[in-house]
Amino acid sequence: MITMSRNELHVTKLKLECWQEVIGLLERIENGNNGTKLLTLLMRVGVEVPHKLDVEELIGHKVGILRSDDPKKAYLIRKVLERSDKQSNETPMEVCHDSGGAMK
């Protein structure tokens, strides 16, 4: 089950369970609570991830945020290739991950 809450900016904050993923256009990144970052997708959905993730270069791109059950890689964030992108020489890849442990 995805846990949701609303903040003052009318962003629905999601708490992903293991192996749940949300996909959308990354709109902005803000400091979250307890050393986290709040990644806000264009559809006004936010997901808190560990602050050490380097995701700034993904703003403006469609991303997938996946919660795993691996304490060393609790969140996997990938750039989602569009249909026209698949015809280029780019290959899908893991863009960044949490290497420091799971969030509760």
C-alpha atoms as a PDB file:
ATOM      1  CA  MET A   1       0.000   0.000   0.000  1.00  0.00           C
ATOM      2  CA  ILE A   2       1.232   3.492  -0.828  1.00  0.00           C
ATOM      3  CA  THR A   3       0.880   5.909   2.096  1.00  0.00           C
ATOM      4  CA  MET A   4      -0.142   9.440   1.091  1.00  0.00           C
ATOM      5  CA  SER A   5      -0.196  12.772   2.911  1.00  0.00           C
ATOM      6  CA  ARG A   6      -0.662  16.375   1.750  1.00  0.00           C
ATOM      7  CA  ASN A   7       1.543  19.363   2.531  1.00  0.00           C
ATOM      8  CA  GLU A   8       0.947  23.106   2.239  1.00  0.00           C
ATOM      9  CA  LEU A   9       1.974  23.173  -1.443  1.00  0.00           C
ATOM     10  CA  HIS A  10      -0.787  20.707  -2.353  1.00  0.00           C
ATOM     11  CA  VAL A  11       1.743  17.983  -3.104  1.00  0.00           C
ATOM     12  CA  THR A  12       0.667  14.469  -2.233  1.00  0.00           C
ATOM     13  CA  LYS A  13       3.635  12.840  -0.493  1.00  0.00           C
ATOM     14  CA  LEU A  14       3.936   9.111  -1.162  1.00  0.00           C
ATOM     15  CA  LYS A  15       5.675   6.562   1.033  1.00  0.00           C
ATOM     16  CA  LEU A  16       6.511   3.654  -1.229  1.00  0.00           C
ATOM     17  CA  GLU A  17       6.493   0.109   0.080  1.00  0.00           C
ATOM     18  CA  CYS A  18       9.060  -2.422  -1.152  1.00  0.00           C
ATOM     19  CA  TRP A  19       8.930  -2.995  -4.919  1.00  0.00           C
ATOM     20  CA  GLN A  20       6.473  -0.173  -5.582  1.00  0.00           C
ATOM     21  CA  GLU A  21       7.370   2.390  -8.251  1.00  0.00           C
ATOM     22  CA  VAL A  22       6.008   5.771  -9.260  1.00  0.00           C
ATOM     23  CA  ILE A  23       6.774   7.262 -12.681  1.00  0.00           C
ATOM     24  CA  GLY A  24       6.450  10.903 -13.701  1.00  0.00           C
ATOM     25  CA  LEU A  25       8.229  14.049 -14.866  1.00  0.00           C
ATOM     26  CA  LEU A  26      10.618  15.254 -12.121  1.00  0.00           C
ATOM     27  CA  GLU A  27       9.671  18.893 -11.480  1.00  0.00           C
ATOM     28  CA  ARG A  28      11.721  19.922  -8.445  1.00  0.00           C
ATOM     29  CA  ILE A  29      13.815  18.742  -5.503  1.00  0.00           C
ATOM     30  CA  GLU A  30      13.486  20.134  -1.972  1.00  0.00           C
ATOM     31  CA  ASN A  31      15.039  19.299   1.376  1.00  0.00           C
ATOM     32  CA  GLY A  32      12.800  16.899   3.240  1.00  0.00           C
ATOM     33  CA  ASN A  33      12.679  15.788   6.852  1.00  0.00           C
ATOM     34  CA  ASN A  34      15.393  13.830   8.685  1.00  0.00           C
ATOM     35  CA  GLY A  35      18.100  14.134   6.034  1.00  0.00           C
ATOM     36  CA  THR A  36      15.906  13.349   3.054  1.00  0.00           C
ATOM     37  CA  LYS A  37      15.078  14.973  -0.280  1.00  0.00           C
ATOM     38  CA  LEU A  38      11.522  15.439  -1.509  1.00  0.00           C
ATOM     39  CA  LEU A  39      11.357  14.653  -5.231  1.00  0.00           C
ATOM     40  CA  THR A  40       8.244  16.318  -6.670  1.00  0.00           C
ATOM     41  CA  LEU A  41       6.803  14.986  -9.898  1.00  0.00           C
ATOM     42  CA  LEU A  42       4.796  17.182 -12.285  1.00  0.00           C
ATOM     43  CA  MET A  43       1.572  15.475 -11.209  1.00  0.00           C
ATOM     44  CA  ARG A  44       2.153  16.999  -7.728  1.00  0.00           C
ATOM     45  CA  VAL A  45       3.289  13.761  -6.132  1.00  0.00           C
ATOM     46  CA  GLY A  46       6.356  13.784  -3.877  1.00  0.00           C
ATOM     47  CA  VAL A  47       8.554  10.943  -2.645  1.00  0.00           C
ATOM     48  CA  GLU A  48      11.111  11.406   0.156  1.00  0.00           C
ATOM     49  CA  VAL A  49      14.423   9.697  -0.595  1.00  0.00           C
ATOM     50  CA  PRO A  50      17.791   9.796   1.214  1.00  0.00           C
ATOM     51  CA  HIS A  51      19.458  13.200   0.901  1.00  0.00           C
ATOM     52  CA  LYS A  52      22.714  11.751  -0.460  1.00  0.00           C
ATOM     53  CA  LEU A  53      21.095  10.775  -3.769  1.00  0.00           C
ATOM     54  CA  ASP A  54      22.447  12.867  -6.633  1.00  0.00           C
ATOM     55  CA  VAL A  55      19.348  13.457  -8.751  1.00  0.00           C
ATOM     56  CA  GLU A  56      19.541  17.138  -9.708  1.00  0.00           C
ATOM     57  CA  GLU A  57      20.485  16.320 -13.319  1.00  0.00           C
ATOM     58  CA  LEU A  58      17.153  14.513 -13.708  1.00  0.00           C
ATOM     59  CA  ILE A  59      14.935  17.585 -13.223  1.00  0.00           C
ATOM     60  CA  GLY A  60      12.775  17.946 -16.323  1.00  0.00           C
ATOM     61  CA  HIS A  61      13.085  14.260 -17.246  1.00  0.00           C
ATOM     62  CA  LYS A  62      10.569  11.477 -16.832  1.00  0.00           C
ATOM     63  CA  VAL A  63      11.832   9.261 -13.994  1.00  0.00           C
ATOM     64  CA  GLY A  64      10.853   6.068 -12.223  1.00  0.00           C
ATOM     65  CA  ILE A  65      11.355   5.915  -8.440  1.00  0.00           C
ATOM     66  CA  LEU A  66      11.407   2.329  -7.154  1.00  0.00           C
ATOM     67  CA  ARG A  67      11.553   1.276  -3.497  1.00  0.00           C
ATOM     68  CA  SER A  68      13.524  -1.960  -3.084  1.00  0.00           C
ATOM     69  CA  ASP A  69      13.987  -4.331  -0.149  1.00  0.00           C
ATOM     70  CA  ASP A  70      17.799  -4.057  -0.270  1.00  0.00           C
ATOM     71  CA  PRO A  71      19.033  -1.998   2.722  1.00  0.00           C
ATOM     72  CA  LYS A  72      22.080  -0.900   0.701  1.00  0.00           C
ATOM     73  CA  LYS A  73      19.956   0.316  -2.236  1.00  0.00           C
ATOM     74  CA  ALA A  74      16.601   1.258  -0.733  1.00  0.00           C
ATOM     75  CA  TYR A  75      15.622   3.488  -3.682  1.00  0.00           C
ATOM     76  CA  LEU A  76      16.457   3.057  -7.354  1.00  0.00           C
ATOM     77  CA  ILE A  77      15.845   6.029  -9.619  1.00  0.00           C
ATOM     78  CA  ARG A  78      15.915   5.644 -13.374  1.00  0.00           C
ATOM     79  CA  LYS A  79      15.389   7.888 -16.364  1.00  0.00           C
ATOM     80  CA  VAL A  80      12.407   6.605 -18.346  1.00  0.00           C
ATOM     81  CA  LEU A  81      13.075   6.618 -22.065  1.00  0.00           C
ATOM     82  CA  GLU A  82      10.254   7.758 -24.319  1.00  0.00           C
ATOM     83  CA  ARG A  83       9.349   5.816 -27.437  1.00  0.00           C
ATOM     84  CA  SER A  84      11.330   8.157 -29.707  1.00  0.00           C
ATOM     85  CA  ASP A  85      14.352   7.904 -27.358  1.00  0.00           C
ATOM     86  CA  LYS A  86      14.448   4.128 -27.782  1.00  0.00           C
ATOM     87  CA  GLN A  87      15.440   4.568 -31.395  1.00  0.00           C
ATOM     88  CA  SER A  88      18.595   6.461 -30.405  1.00  0.00           C
ATOM     89  CA  ASN A  89      21.863   4.880 -29.322  1.00  0.00           C
ATOM     90  CA  GLU A  90      21.079   5.458 -25.631  1.00  0.00           C
ATOM     91  CA  THR A  91      20.604   2.417 -23.427  1.00  0.00           C
ATOM     92  CA  PRO A  92      18.418   2.343 -20.320  1.00  0.00           C
ATOM     93  CA  MET A  93      20.415   2.295 -17.099  1.00  0.00           C
ATOM     94  CA  GLU A  94      20.176   2.790 -13.376  1.00  0.00           C
ATOM     95  CA  VAL A  95      20.863   6.474 -12.822  1.00  0.00           C
ATOM     96  CA  CYS A  96      21.390   6.555  -9.073  1.00  0.00           C
ATOM     97  CA  HIS A  97      20.576   4.624  -5.928  1.00  0.00           C
ATOM     98  CA  ASP A  98      20.703   4.806  -2.169  1.00  0.00           C
ATOM     99  CA  SER A  99      23.927   3.226  -1.005  1.00  0.00           C
ATOM    100  CA  GLY A 100      23.524   4.010   2.652  1.00  0.00           C
ATOM    101  CA  GLY A 101      20.585   2.058   3.978  1.00  0.00           C
ATOM    102  CA  ALA A 102      16.836   1.955   3.961  1.00  0.00           C
ATOM    103  CA  MET A 103      14.477   4.633   5.202  1.00  0.00           C
ATOM    104  CA  LYS A 104      11.776   3.764   7.672  1.00  0.00           C
END
